[in-house]
Amino acid sequence: MSLPSAVLFDMDGTLLDSEKLWDIAVAEFTRTLGTEITAEAREATLGNATADSLRTIFDFAEVPEPERDYIAAEKWVSDRVVQLFDGGIPWQPGARDTLDLLAEAGVPLVLVTNTIREITEHALGTLGRERFVGTVCGDEIPNPKPAADPYLRGAELAGVPASECIAVEDSPTGARSALAAGCAVFTVGPNPVADGAHHLGTLAGAGLQTFSR
């Protein structure tokens, strides 16, 4: 059995069942713009960098461009998400066991997220920063997902080529990023999200053979 040189994990929706907390913050912020976000509009923000998500929300709420304060909006949403995260973040099924299994087998793990560093630091309290040899956040690289940069950086932190890594994702945005970097891509969630990715559905019950290449 040949294991990957590293496994690179997305965070929200992949390791942590945190999208439901983002749902609350996004819905509350959209109400400050005078409307209720729809499920379709919320789905269009999943996996995106903060600025892209805010642009989608402003477009949905039909806020004129001159009236869009991205800096204030990011602070509002970030502060609310941090508040929600500090109340506790549930794990996705099988995620914690999978991290421990791979770590025990000596496989380096890297966290690769479009979430900004400030919020990620709060999530690492749940994830356990000691589990990862490195973390990549969306506000620390020139081009966030769906560009290849985050996963190329993640592989660099692990000290291996991206082509020798497996990335685990839950969104089309993230899967496209990992595929563009040359990673093998596994996805979790109810439905496949990208051609070229292997859909696991869930990490519950995943074993070392799941990640063998």
N, C-alpha and C. Protein backbone atom coordinates (compact mmCIF):
# COMPACT_ATOMS: atom_id res chain seq x y z
N MET A 1 0.86 -1.20 0.00
CA MET A 1 0.00 0.00 0.00
C MET A 1 0.89 1.24 0.00
N SER A 2 0.67 2.13 -0.95
CA SER A 2 1.46 3.35 -1.07
C SER A 2 0.59 4.55 -0.68
N LEU A 3 0.97 5.22 0.39
CA LEU A 3 0.23 6.38 0.87
C LEU A 3 0.73 7.64 0.18
N PRO A 4 -0.10 8.68 0.10
CA PRO A 4 0.34 9.94 -0.52
C PRO A 4 1.45 10.59 0.31
N SER A 5 2.22 11.45 -0.34
CA SER A 5 3.29 12.16 0.36
C SER A 5 2.73 13.15 1.38
N ALA A 6 1.52 13.64 1.16
CA ALA A 6 0.84 14.53 2.10
C ALA A 6 -0.64 14.53 1.75
N VAL A 7 -1.47 14.84 2.73
CA VAL A 7 -2.89 15.04 2.48
C VAL A 7 -3.24 16.47 2.89
N LEU A 8 -3.87 17.19 1.98
CA LEU A 8 -4.19 18.60 2.16
C LEU A 8 -5.70 18.73 2.34
N PHE A 9 -6.12 19.25 3.47
CA PHE A 9 -7.54 19.29 3.82
C PHE A 9 -8.11 20.71 3.76
N ASP A 10 -9.24 20.85 3.09
CA ASP A 10 -10.06 22.05 3.26
C ASP A 10 -10.64 22.03 4.67
N MET A 11 -11.18 23.15 5.12
CA MET A 11 -11.68 23.23 6.49
C MET A 11 -13.21 23.23 6.57
N ASP A 12 -13.84 24.35 6.17
CA ASP A 12 -15.29 24.50 6.33
C ASP A 12 -16.04 23.53 5.43
N GLY A 13 -16.85 22.69 6.05
CA GLY A 13 -17.65 21.74 5.29
C GLY A 13 -16.94 20.44 5.01
N THR A 14 -15.61 20.41 5.19
CA THR A 14 -14.82 19.20 4.95
C THR A 14 -14.41 18.56 6.27
N LEU A 15 -13.69 19.30 7.09
CA LEU A 15 -13.31 18.80 8.41
C LEU A 15 -14.32 19.22 9.47
N LEU A 16 -14.79 20.45 9.37
CA LEU A 16 -15.72 20.98 10.35
C LEU A 16 -17.09 21.24 9.74
N ASP A 17 -18.12 20.92 10.50
CA ASP A 17 -19.49 21.18 10.04
C ASP A 17 -19.83 22.63 10.39
N SER A 18 -19.02 23.52 9.84
CA SER A 18 -19.09 24.94 10.20
C SER A 18 -19.91 25.77 9.23
N GLU A 19 -20.28 25.19 8.08
CA GLU A 19 -21.06 25.98 7.12
C GLU A 19 -22.38 26.43 7.73
N LYS A 20 -22.95 25.64 8.63
CA LYS A 20 -24.20 26.04 9.27
C LYS A 20 -24.01 27.30 10.11
N LEU A 21 -22.80 27.49 10.66
CA LEU A 21 -22.52 28.72 11.41
C LEU A 21 -22.31 29.89 10.46
N TRP A 22 -21.62 29.63 9.34
CA TRP A 22 -21.52 30.66 8.31
C TRP A 22 -22.91 31.03 7.78
N ASP A 23 -23.80 30.05 7.66
CA ASP A 23 -25.17 30.32 7.20
C ASP A 23 -25.82 31.40 8.06
N ILE A 24 -25.64 31.27 9.39
CA ILE A 24 -26.24 32.23 10.32
C ILE A 24 -25.67 33.62 10.07
N ALA A 25 -24.35 33.72 10.00
CA ALA A 25 -23.70 35.02 9.81
C ALA A 25 -24.08 35.65 8.49
N VAL A 26 -24.08 34.85 7.42
CA VAL A 26 -24.42 35.38 6.09
C VAL A 26 -25.87 35.84 6.05
N ALA A 27 -26.77 35.05 6.64
CA ALA A 27 -28.19 35.43 6.66
C ALA A 27 -28.41 36.72 7.43
N GLU A 28 -27.73 36.83 8.58
CA GLU A 28 -27.89 38.04 9.39
C GLU A 28 -27.32 39.25 8.68
N PHE A 29 -26.18 39.08 8.02
CA PHE A 29 -25.60 40.21 7.30
C PHE A 29 -26.50 40.64 6.14
N THR A 30 -27.03 39.67 5.42
CA THR A 30 -27.91 39.99 4.28
C THR A 30 -29.15 40.75 4.75
N ARG A 31 -29.63 40.43 5.94
CA ARG A 31 -30.79 41.17 6.48
C ARG A 31 -30.44 42.64 6.72
N THR A 32 -29.16 42.92 7.06
CA THR A 32 -28.78 44.32 7.25
C THR A 32 -28.84 45.08 5.93
N LEU A 33 -28.86 44.33 4.81
CA LEU A 33 -28.97 44.95 3.48
C LEU A 33 -30.42 45.03 3.02
N GLY A 34 -31.33 44.57 3.89
CA GLY A 34 -32.75 44.72 3.60
C GLY A 34 -33.40 43.58 2.86
N THR A 35 -32.77 42.39 2.87
CA THR A 35 -33.38 41.26 2.16
C THR A 35 -32.99 39.95 2.84
N GLU A 36 -33.64 38.87 2.44
CA GLU A 36 -33.35 37.53 2.94
C GLU A 36 -32.62 36.74 1.86
N ILE A 37 -31.48 36.18 2.19
CA ILE A 37 -30.73 35.42 1.20
C ILE A 37 -31.44 34.11 0.89
N THR A 38 -31.40 33.70 -0.35
CA THR A 38 -32.00 32.43 -0.75
C THR A 38 -30.98 31.31 -0.65
N ALA A 39 -31.47 30.08 -0.65
CA ALA A 39 -30.55 28.93 -0.60
C ALA A 39 -29.62 28.92 -1.81
N GLU A 40 -30.13 29.32 -2.96
CA GLU A 40 -29.33 29.34 -4.18
C GLU A 40 -28.20 30.37 -4.08
N ALA A 41 -28.52 31.54 -3.58
CA ALA A 41 -27.51 32.59 -3.45
C ALA A 41 -26.46 32.20 -2.41
N ARG A 42 -26.90 31.61 -1.32
CA ARG A 42 -25.95 31.15 -0.30
C ARG A 42 -25.03 30.08 -0.87
N GLU A 43 -25.58 29.15 -1.63
CA GLU A 43 -24.77 28.09 -2.21
C GLU A 43 -23.69 28.65 -3.14
N ALA A 44 -24.01 29.76 -3.81
CA ALA A 44 -23.05 30.37 -4.73
C ALA A 44 -21.85 30.96 -4.01
N THR A 45 -21.94 31.12 -2.69
CA THR A 45 -20.82 31.68 -1.92
C THR A 45 -19.92 30.60 -1.33
N LEU A 46 -20.34 29.34 -1.36
CA LEU A 46 -19.62 28.28 -0.66
C LEU A 46 -18.22 28.07 -1.23
N GLY A 47 -17.26 28.02 -0.34
CA GLY A 47 -15.89 27.76 -0.74
C GLY A 47 -15.15 28.96 -1.29
N ASN A 48 -15.83 30.08 -1.45
CA ASN A 48 -15.23 31.25 -2.06
C ASN A 48 -14.40 32.07 -1.06
N ALA A 49 -13.49 32.85 -1.59
CA ALA A 49 -12.78 33.82 -0.77
C ALA A 49 -13.78 34.86 -0.25
N THR A 50 -13.43 35.49 0.86
CA THR A 50 -14.37 36.42 1.50
C THR A 50 -14.84 37.51 0.55
N ALA A 51 -13.93 38.12 -0.18
CA ALA A 51 -14.30 39.21 -1.09
C ALA A 51 -15.27 38.73 -2.17
N ASP A 52 -15.03 37.53 -2.69
CA ASP A 52 -15.92 36.99 -3.72
C ASP A 52 -17.30 36.68 -3.15
N SER A 53 -17.33 36.14 -1.94
CA SER A 53 -18.62 35.86 -1.29
C SER A 53 -19.40 37.15 -1.04
N LEU A 54 -18.70 38.17 -0.57
CA LEU A 54 -19.38 39.44 -0.31
C LEU A 54 -19.90 40.06 -1.60
N ARG A 55 -19.14 39.93 -2.68
CA ARG A 55 -19.58 40.44 -3.97
C ARG A 55 -20.88 39.75 -4.40
N THR A 56 -20.93 38.44 -4.19
CA THR A 56 -22.14 37.69 -4.53
C THR A 56 -23.32 38.16 -3.70
N ILE A 57 -23.09 38.42 -2.42
CA ILE A 57 -24.17 38.88 -1.53
C ILE A 57 -24.63 40.28 -1.93
N PHE A 58 -23.69 41.17 -2.19
CA PHE A 58 -24.05 42.52 -2.61
C PHE A 58 -24.83 42.49 -3.92
N ASP A 59 -24.39 41.64 -4.85
CA ASP A 59 -25.11 41.51 -6.12
C ASP A 59 -26.54 41.03 -5.88
N PHE A 60 -26.66 40.01 -5.02
CA PHE A 60 -27.98 39.45 -4.72
C PHE A 60 -28.90 40.51 -4.11
N ALA A 61 -28.35 41.31 -3.20
CA ALA A 61 -29.14 42.34 -2.53
C ALA A 61 -29.31 43.60 -3.37
N GLU A 62 -28.69 43.60 -4.56
CA GLU A 62 -28.78 44.73 -5.49
C GLU A 62 -28.29 46.03 -4.87
N VAL A 63 -27.17 45.91 -4.16
CA VAL A 63 -26.55 47.10 -3.56
C VAL A 63 -25.71 47.79 -4.64
N PRO A 64 -25.96 49.06 -4.90
CA PRO A 64 -25.17 49.77 -5.92
C PRO A 64 -23.68 49.76 -5.58
N GLU A 65 -22.85 49.67 -6.58
CA GLU A 65 -21.41 49.57 -6.37
C GLU A 65 -20.85 50.68 -5.48
N PRO A 66 -21.26 51.95 -5.67
CA PRO A 66 -20.70 53.01 -4.82
C PRO A 66 -21.05 52.86 -3.34
N GLU A 67 -22.09 52.09 -3.04
CA GLU A 67 -22.54 51.94 -1.65
C GLU A 67 -21.97 50.70 -0.97
N ARG A 68 -21.12 49.95 -1.66
CA ARG A 68 -20.58 48.71 -1.11
C ARG A 68 -19.31 49.00 -0.30
N ASP A 69 -19.38 48.72 0.99
CA ASP A 69 -18.21 48.89 1.86
C ASP A 69 -17.69 47.49 2.20
N TYR A 70 -16.75 47.01 1.39
CA TYR A 70 -16.25 45.65 1.56
C TYR A 70 -15.48 45.48 2.87
N ILE A 71 -14.75 46.51 3.27
CA ILE A 71 -13.96 46.40 4.49
C ILE A 71 -14.88 46.27 5.70
N ALA A 72 -15.91 47.11 5.77
CA ALA A 72 -16.84 47.05 6.89
C ALA A 72 -17.64 45.74 6.87
N ALA A 73 -18.01 45.31 5.66
CA ALA A 73 -18.78 44.06 5.54
C ALA A 73 -17.96 42.87 6.00
N GLU A 74 -16.68 42.81 5.60
CA GLU A 74 -15.84 41.70 6.01
C GLU A 74 -15.67 41.67 7.53
N LYS A 75 -15.52 42.86 8.12
CA LYS A 75 -15.37 42.91 9.59
C LYS A 75 -16.65 42.44 10.26
N TRP A 76 -17.80 42.84 9.73
CA TRP A 76 -19.08 42.45 10.33
C TRP A 76 -19.23 40.94 10.31
N VAL A 77 -19.02 40.35 9.14
CA VAL A 77 -19.20 38.90 8.99
C VAL A 77 -18.14 38.15 9.78
N SER A 78 -16.89 38.60 9.72
CA SER A 78 -15.81 37.93 10.44
C SER A 78 -16.05 37.94 11.95
N ASP A 79 -16.44 39.09 12.48
CA ASP A 79 -16.69 39.19 13.92
C ASP A 79 -17.82 38.24 14.34
N ARG A 80 -18.85 38.15 13.51
CA ARG A 80 -19.98 37.28 13.85
C ARG A 80 -19.59 35.80 13.77
N VAL A 81 -18.81 35.45 12.75
CA VAL A 81 -18.37 34.05 12.62
C VAL A 81 -17.47 33.66 13.79
N VAL A 82 -16.55 34.54 14.16
CA VAL A 82 -15.68 34.26 15.31
C VAL A 82 -16.53 34.03 16.56
N GLN A 83 -17.54 34.87 16.74
CA GLN A 83 -18.42 34.72 17.90
C GLN A 83 -19.11 33.35 17.88
N LEU A 84 -19.57 32.94 16.71
CA LEU A 84 -20.25 31.65 16.58
C LEU A 84 -19.27 30.49 16.75
N PHE A 85 -18.07 30.63 16.18
CA PHE A 85 -17.06 29.58 16.31
C PHE A 85 -16.67 29.38 17.77
N ASP A 86 -16.56 30.47 18.51
CA ASP A 86 -16.14 30.37 19.90
C ASP A 86 -17.18 29.68 20.77
N GLY A 87 -18.39 29.52 20.23
CA GLY A 87 -19.42 28.76 20.93
C GLY A 87 -19.29 27.26 20.71
N GLY A 88 -18.34 26.86 19.86
CA GLY A 88 -18.11 25.45 19.58
C GLY A 88 -18.45 25.11 18.14
N ILE A 89 -17.57 24.33 17.50
CA ILE A 89 -17.77 23.95 16.10
C ILE A 89 -17.84 22.42 16.02
N PRO A 90 -18.93 21.89 15.48
CA PRO A 90 -19.01 20.43 15.35
C PRO A 90 -18.11 19.91 14.22
N TRP A 91 -17.61 18.70 14.39
CA TRP A 91 -16.81 18.04 13.37
C TRP A 91 -17.71 17.40 12.32
N GLN A 92 -17.19 17.26 11.11
CA GLN A 92 -17.87 16.46 10.10
C GLN A 92 -17.65 14.98 10.43
N PRO A 93 -18.59 14.11 10.04
CA PRO A 93 -18.46 12.68 10.37
C PRO A 93 -17.14 12.09 9.90
N GLY A 94 -16.44 11.46 10.81
CA GLY A 94 -15.20 10.75 10.48
C GLY A 94 -13.98 11.62 10.33
N ALA A 95 -14.13 12.94 10.37
CA ALA A 95 -13.00 13.83 10.08
C ALA A 95 -11.89 13.72 11.11
N ARG A 96 -12.24 13.77 12.38
CA ARG A 96 -11.21 13.73 13.43
C ARG A 96 -10.47 12.39 13.40
N ASP A 97 -11.22 11.29 13.24
CA ASP A 97 -10.59 9.97 13.18
C ASP A 97 -9.66 9.86 11.97
N THR A 98 -10.06 10.46 10.86
CA THR A 98 -9.24 10.41 9.64
C THR A 98 -7.93 11.15 9.84
N LEU A 99 -7.99 12.33 10.45
CA LEU A 99 -6.76 13.09 10.73
C LEU A 99 -5.82 12.28 11.61
N ASP A 100 -6.37 11.67 12.65
CA ASP A 100 -5.54 10.91 13.58
C ASP A 100 -4.95 9.67 12.90
N LEU A 101 -5.74 9.02 12.07
CA LEU A 101 -5.28 7.82 11.38
C LEU A 101 -4.10 8.13 10.46
N LEU A 102 -4.24 9.20 9.67
CA LEU A 102 -3.17 9.58 8.75
C LEU A 102 -1.93 10.04 9.50
N ALA A 103 -2.14 10.80 10.57
CA ALA A 103 -0.99 11.27 11.36
C ALA A 103 -0.23 10.10 11.98
N GLU A 104 -0.96 9.12 12.49
CA GLU A 104 -0.32 7.94 13.08
C GLU A 104 0.47 7.16 12.05
N ALA A 105 0.05 7.24 10.78
CA ALA A 105 0.76 6.56 9.69
C ALA A 105 1.93 7.38 9.17
N GLY A 106 2.13 8.58 9.74
CA GLY A 106 3.25 9.42 9.36
C GLY A 106 3.02 10.27 8.12
N VAL A 107 1.77 10.45 7.72
CA VAL A 107 1.46 11.26 6.55
C VAL A 107 1.34 12.73 6.98
N PRO A 108 2.12 13.64 6.41
CA PRO A 108 1.99 15.07 6.75
C PRO A 108 0.62 15.60 6.34
N LEU A 109 0.04 16.44 7.19
CA LEU A 109 -1.27 17.03 6.94
C LEU A 109 -1.13 18.55 6.87
N VAL A 110 -1.82 19.15 5.90
CA VAL A 110 -1.82 20.60 5.75
C VAL A 110 -3.26 21.08 5.64
N LEU A 111 -3.58 22.16 6.32
CA LEU A 111 -4.90 22.78 6.22
C LEU A 111 -4.85 23.85 5.13
N VAL A 112 -5.76 23.76 4.16
CA VAL A 112 -5.78 24.71 3.04
C VAL A 112 -7.20 25.27 2.93
N THR A 113 -7.39 26.52 3.33
CA THR A 113 -8.73 27.10 3.39
C THR A 113 -8.77 28.49 2.77
N ASN A 114 -9.91 28.85 2.22
CA ASN A 114 -10.12 30.22 1.75
C ASN A 114 -10.51 31.16 2.89
N THR A 115 -10.77 30.61 4.05
CA THR A 115 -11.13 31.42 5.21
C THR A 115 -9.93 32.26 5.65
N ILE A 116 -10.19 33.47 6.10
CA ILE A 116 -9.10 34.36 6.50
C ILE A 116 -8.43 33.86 7.78
N ARG A 117 -7.20 34.29 7.99
CA ARG A 117 -6.40 33.82 9.12
C ARG A 117 -7.08 34.07 10.47
N GLU A 118 -7.67 35.24 10.64
CA GLU A 118 -8.28 35.57 11.93
C GLU A 118 -9.31 34.54 12.34
N ILE A 119 -10.15 34.13 11.40
CA ILE A 119 -11.19 33.15 11.72
C ILE A 119 -10.60 31.75 11.83
N THR A 120 -9.65 31.43 10.96
CA THR A 120 -9.03 30.11 10.99
C THR A 120 -8.36 29.84 12.33
N GLU A 121 -7.75 30.86 12.91
CA GLU A 121 -7.09 30.68 14.20
C GLU A 121 -8.08 30.22 15.27
N HIS A 122 -9.30 30.72 15.21
CA HIS A 122 -10.32 30.29 16.16
C HIS A 122 -10.73 28.85 15.89
N ALA A 123 -10.83 28.47 14.61
CA ALA A 123 -11.19 27.10 14.27
C ALA A 123 -10.09 26.11 14.65
N LEU A 124 -8.84 26.55 14.62
CA LEU A 124 -7.73 25.66 14.99
C LEU A 124 -7.79 25.24 16.45
N GLY A 125 -8.51 26.00 17.25
CA GLY A 125 -8.72 25.58 18.63
C GLY A 125 -9.51 24.29 18.71
N THR A 126 -10.41 24.08 17.75
CA THR A 126 -11.18 22.84 17.66
C THR A 126 -10.38 21.78 16.92
N LEU A 127 -9.78 22.15 15.79
CA LEU A 127 -9.07 21.19 14.95
C LEU A 127 -7.81 20.63 15.62
N GLY A 128 -7.13 21.50 16.38
CA GLY A 128 -5.84 21.12 16.95
C GLY A 128 -4.73 21.47 15.98
N ARG A 129 -4.10 22.61 16.19
CA ARG A 129 -3.08 23.08 15.24
C ARG A 129 -1.89 22.13 15.18
N GLU A 130 -1.70 21.35 16.26
CA GLU A 130 -0.57 20.42 16.28
C GLU A 130 -0.73 19.29 15.27
N ARG A 131 -1.92 19.12 14.74
CA ARG A 131 -2.14 18.05 13.75
C ARG A 131 -1.54 18.39 12.38
N PHE A 132 -1.26 19.66 12.13
CA PHE A 132 -0.88 20.11 10.79
C PHE A 132 0.57 20.60 10.73
N VAL A 133 1.24 20.26 9.64
CA VAL A 133 2.60 20.77 9.44
C VAL A 133 2.57 22.19 8.89
N GLY A 134 1.41 22.64 8.44
CA GLY A 134 1.25 24.00 7.93
C GLY A 134 -0.20 24.32 7.68
N THR A 135 -0.50 25.60 7.60
CA THR A 135 -1.85 26.06 7.27
C THR A 135 -1.76 27.16 6.22
N VAL A 136 -2.70 27.14 5.30
CA VAL A 136 -2.78 28.14 4.23
C VAL A 136 -4.14 28.81 4.32
N CYS A 137 -4.17 30.15 4.41
CA CYS A 137 -5.42 30.89 4.53
C CYS A 137 -5.62 31.80 3.31
N GLY A 138 -6.88 32.06 3.01
CA GLY A 138 -7.22 32.77 1.78
C GLY A 138 -6.70 34.18 1.68
N ASP A 139 -6.44 34.82 2.83
CA ASP A 139 -5.97 36.20 2.80
C ASP A 139 -4.45 36.30 2.82
N GLU A 140 -3.76 35.15 2.71
CA GLU A 140 -2.31 35.16 2.80
C GLU A 140 -1.61 34.80 1.49
N ILE A 141 -2.38 34.63 0.45
CA ILE A 141 -1.82 34.28 -0.85
C ILE A 141 -2.41 35.21 -1.91
N PRO A 142 -1.69 35.42 -3.02
CA PRO A 142 -2.17 36.36 -4.04
C PRO A 142 -3.51 35.96 -4.65
N ASN A 143 -3.68 34.66 -4.93
CA ASN A 143 -4.88 34.19 -5.63
C ASN A 143 -5.50 33.03 -4.87
N PRO A 144 -6.63 33.26 -4.18
CA PRO A 144 -7.27 32.18 -3.43
C PRO A 144 -7.98 31.19 -4.36
N LYS A 145 -8.55 30.13 -3.78
CA LYS A 145 -9.34 29.18 -4.56
C LYS A 145 -10.42 29.95 -5.34
N PRO A 146 -10.68 29.61 -6.59
CA PRO A 146 -10.35 28.37 -7.31
C PRO A 146 -8.99 28.37 -8.01
N ALA A 147 -8.16 29.40 -7.82
CA ALA A 147 -6.81 29.35 -8.38
C ALA A 147 -6.02 28.22 -7.73
N ALA A 148 -4.97 27.78 -8.40
CA ALA A 148 -4.16 26.66 -7.90
C ALA A 148 -3.28 27.05 -6.72
N ASP A 149 -3.06 28.35 -6.52
CA ASP A 149 -2.07 28.83 -5.54
C ASP A 149 -2.19 28.23 -4.14
N PRO A 150 -3.41 28.15 -3.55
CA PRO A 150 -3.48 27.62 -2.18
C PRO A 150 -2.94 26.20 -2.05
N TYR A 151 -3.28 25.34 -3.01
CA TYR A 151 -2.81 23.96 -2.91
C TYR A 151 -1.35 23.81 -3.30
N LEU A 152 -0.87 24.65 -4.19
CA LEU A 152 0.56 24.65 -4.48
C LEU A 152 1.35 25.06 -3.24
N ARG A 153 0.83 26.05 -2.52
CA ARG A 153 1.47 26.49 -1.29
C ARG A 153 1.38 25.41 -0.22
N GLY A 154 0.24 24.73 -0.13
CA GLY A 154 0.09 23.66 0.84
C GLY A 154 1.09 22.54 0.61
N ALA A 155 1.28 22.16 -0.65
CA ALA A 155 2.27 21.12 -0.97
C ALA A 155 3.68 21.59 -0.63
N GLU A 156 3.94 22.88 -0.89
CA GLU A 156 5.26 23.44 -0.57
C GLU A 156 5.53 23.36 0.93
N LEU A 157 4.52 23.66 1.75
CA LEU A 157 4.69 23.59 3.20
C LEU A 157 4.95 22.16 3.66
N ALA A 158 4.38 21.20 2.93
CA ALA A 158 4.62 19.79 3.26
C ALA A 158 5.96 19.30 2.72
N GLY A 159 6.56 20.11 1.82
CA GLY A 159 7.86 19.75 1.27
C GLY A 159 7.82 18.70 0.17
N VAL A 160 6.66 18.62 -0.53
CA VAL A 160 6.50 17.61 -1.57
C VAL A 160 5.81 18.23 -2.78
N PRO A 161 5.91 17.61 -3.97
CA PRO A 161 5.18 18.11 -5.14
C PRO A 161 3.66 17.93 -4.95
N ALA A 162 2.89 18.84 -5.50
CA ALA A 162 1.43 18.73 -5.41
C ALA A 162 0.93 17.45 -6.06
N SER A 163 1.62 16.98 -7.08
CA SER A 163 1.21 15.76 -7.77
C SER A 163 1.30 14.52 -6.89
N GLU A 164 2.02 14.62 -5.77
CA GLU A 164 2.13 13.50 -4.85
C GLU A 164 1.17 13.62 -3.67
N CYS A 165 0.28 14.63 -3.72
CA CYS A 165 -0.64 14.90 -2.62
C CYS A 165 -2.07 14.52 -2.98
N ILE A 166 -2.84 14.21 -1.95
CA ILE A 166 -4.29 14.10 -2.07
C ILE A 166 -4.90 15.30 -1.37
N ALA A 167 -5.84 15.96 -2.03
CA ALA A 167 -6.60 17.05 -1.42
C ALA A 167 -8.01 16.56 -1.12
N VAL A 168 -8.55 16.98 0.00
CA VAL A 168 -9.92 16.61 0.38
C VAL A 168 -10.74 17.89 0.46
N GLU A 169 -11.82 17.94 -0.30
CA GLU A 169 -12.61 19.15 -0.47
C GLU A 169 -14.11 18.85 -0.41
N ASP A 170 -14.90 19.92 -0.31
CA ASP A 170 -16.36 19.73 -0.35
C ASP A 170 -17.05 20.64 -1.35
N SER A 171 -16.33 21.59 -1.94
CA SER A 171 -16.97 22.58 -2.81
C SER A 171 -16.39 22.54 -4.22
N PRO A 172 -17.16 22.96 -5.22
CA PRO A 172 -16.61 23.07 -6.57
C PRO A 172 -15.41 24.00 -6.64
N THR A 173 -15.48 25.12 -5.91
CA THR A 173 -14.38 26.09 -5.90
C THR A 173 -13.09 25.44 -5.40
N GLY A 174 -13.17 24.74 -4.30
CA GLY A 174 -11.99 24.11 -3.74
C GLY A 174 -11.47 22.97 -4.58
N ALA A 175 -12.39 22.17 -5.11
CA ALA A 175 -11.97 21.03 -5.95
C ALA A 175 -11.25 21.52 -7.20
N ARG A 176 -11.75 22.59 -7.81
CA ARG A 176 -11.09 23.14 -9.00
C ARG A 176 -9.68 23.63 -8.66
N SER A 177 -9.53 24.23 -7.50
CA SER A 177 -8.22 24.71 -7.06
C SER A 177 -7.24 23.56 -6.93
N ALA A 178 -7.66 22.49 -6.27
CA ALA A 178 -6.77 21.35 -6.04
C ALA A 178 -6.43 20.64 -7.34
N LEU A 179 -7.41 20.48 -8.22
CA LEU A 179 -7.17 19.85 -9.51
C LEU A 179 -6.19 20.68 -10.35
N ALA A 180 -6.36 22.01 -10.30
CA ALA A 180 -5.48 22.89 -11.06
C ALA A 180 -4.04 22.79 -10.56
N ALA A 181 -3.88 22.51 -9.26
CA ALA A 181 -2.54 22.38 -8.68
C ALA A 181 -1.90 21.04 -9.02
N GLY A 182 -2.71 20.09 -9.49
CA GLY A 182 -2.18 18.78 -9.83
C GLY A 182 -2.37 17.73 -8.77
N CYS A 183 -3.14 18.04 -7.74
CA CYS A 183 -3.41 17.06 -6.69
C CYS A 183 -4.45 16.04 -7.16
N ALA A 184 -4.38 14.85 -6.59
CA ALA A 184 -5.53 13.94 -6.65
C ALA A 184 -6.56 14.50 -5.68
N VAL A 185 -7.84 14.48 -6.06
CA VAL A 185 -8.85 15.15 -5.25
C VAL A 185 -9.95 14.19 -4.83
N PHE A 186 -10.20 14.15 -3.52
CA PHE A 186 -11.34 13.43 -2.96
C PHE A 186 -12.34 14.47 -2.48
N THR A 187 -13.63 14.20 -2.65
CA THR A 187 -14.64 15.14 -2.20
C THR A 187 -15.62 14.47 -1.24
N VAL A 188 -16.13 15.29 -0.33
CA VAL A 188 -17.14 14.84 0.62
C VAL A 188 -18.37 15.72 0.46
N GLY A 189 -19.50 15.24 0.97
CA GLY A 189 -20.75 15.96 0.82
C GLY A 189 -21.78 15.09 0.13
N PRO A 190 -22.98 15.59 0.00
CA PRO A 190 -24.06 14.75 -0.55
C PRO A 190 -23.89 14.39 -2.02
N ASN A 191 -23.23 15.28 -2.79
CA ASN A 191 -23.13 15.06 -4.23
C ASN A 191 -21.73 15.36 -4.74
N PRO A 192 -21.32 14.72 -5.86
CA PRO A 192 -20.05 15.08 -6.50
C PRO A 192 -20.05 16.55 -6.89
N VAL A 193 -18.88 17.19 -6.82
CA VAL A 193 -18.82 18.63 -7.09
C VAL A 193 -17.91 18.99 -8.25
N ALA A 194 -17.12 18.03 -8.75
CA ALA A 194 -16.19 18.37 -9.83
C ALA A 194 -15.81 17.12 -10.61
N ASP A 195 -15.80 17.25 -11.93
CA ASP A 195 -15.27 16.19 -12.77
C ASP A 195 -13.78 16.02 -12.48
N GLY A 196 -13.33 14.78 -12.43
CA GLY A 196 -11.92 14.53 -12.17
C GLY A 196 -11.62 14.29 -10.71
N ALA A 197 -12.62 14.47 -9.84
CA ALA A 197 -12.45 14.22 -8.41
C ALA A 197 -13.14 12.90 -8.04
N HIS A 198 -12.60 12.21 -7.06
CA HIS A 198 -13.20 10.97 -6.57
C HIS A 198 -14.11 11.30 -5.40
N HIS A 199 -15.39 10.99 -5.52
CA HIS A 199 -16.35 11.38 -4.49
C HIS A 199 -16.47 10.31 -3.42
N LEU A 200 -16.06 10.65 -2.20
CA LEU A 200 -16.16 9.74 -1.07
C LEU A 200 -17.53 9.79 -0.40
N GLY A 201 -18.13 10.96 -0.42
CA GLY A 201 -19.39 11.16 0.29
C GLY A 201 -19.16 11.57 1.73
N THR A 202 -18.42 10.75 2.48
CA THR A 202 -18.13 11.04 3.87
C THR A 202 -16.79 10.44 4.25
N LEU A 203 -16.17 11.00 5.28
CA LEU A 203 -14.93 10.44 5.81
C LEU A 203 -15.19 9.37 6.87
N ALA A 204 -16.45 9.20 7.25
CA ALA A 204 -16.78 8.17 8.23
C ALA A 204 -16.41 6.79 7.67
N GLY A 205 -15.61 6.07 8.42
CA GLY A 205 -15.21 4.74 7.98
C GLY A 205 -14.01 4.72 7.06
N ALA A 206 -13.45 5.89 6.73
CA ALA A 206 -12.28 5.93 5.86
C ALA A 206 -11.09 5.27 6.55
N GLY A 207 -10.33 4.51 5.80
CA GLY A 207 -9.13 3.86 6.33
C GLY A 207 -7.92 4.23 5.52
N LEU A 208 -6.79 3.71 5.89
CA LEU A 208 -5.58 4.00 5.13
C LEU A 208 -5.70 3.55 3.68
N GLN A 209 -6.46 2.48 3.45
CA GLN A 209 -6.64 2.01 2.08
C GLN A 209 -7.41 3.02 1.24
N THR A 210 -8.23 3.84 1.89
CA THR A 210 -8.97 4.88 1.16
C THR A 210 -8.01 5.85 0.50
N PHE A 211 -6.89 6.12 1.16
CA PHE A 211 -5.93 7.11 0.68
C PHE A 211 -4.74 6.50 -0.03
N SER A 212 -4.75 5.18 -0.19
CA SER A 212 -3.63 4.55 -0.89
C SER A 212 -3.69 4.87 -2.37
N ARG A 213 -2.53 4.95 -3.00
CA ARG A 213 -2.46 5.37 -4.40
C ARG A 213 -1.83 4.27 -5.25
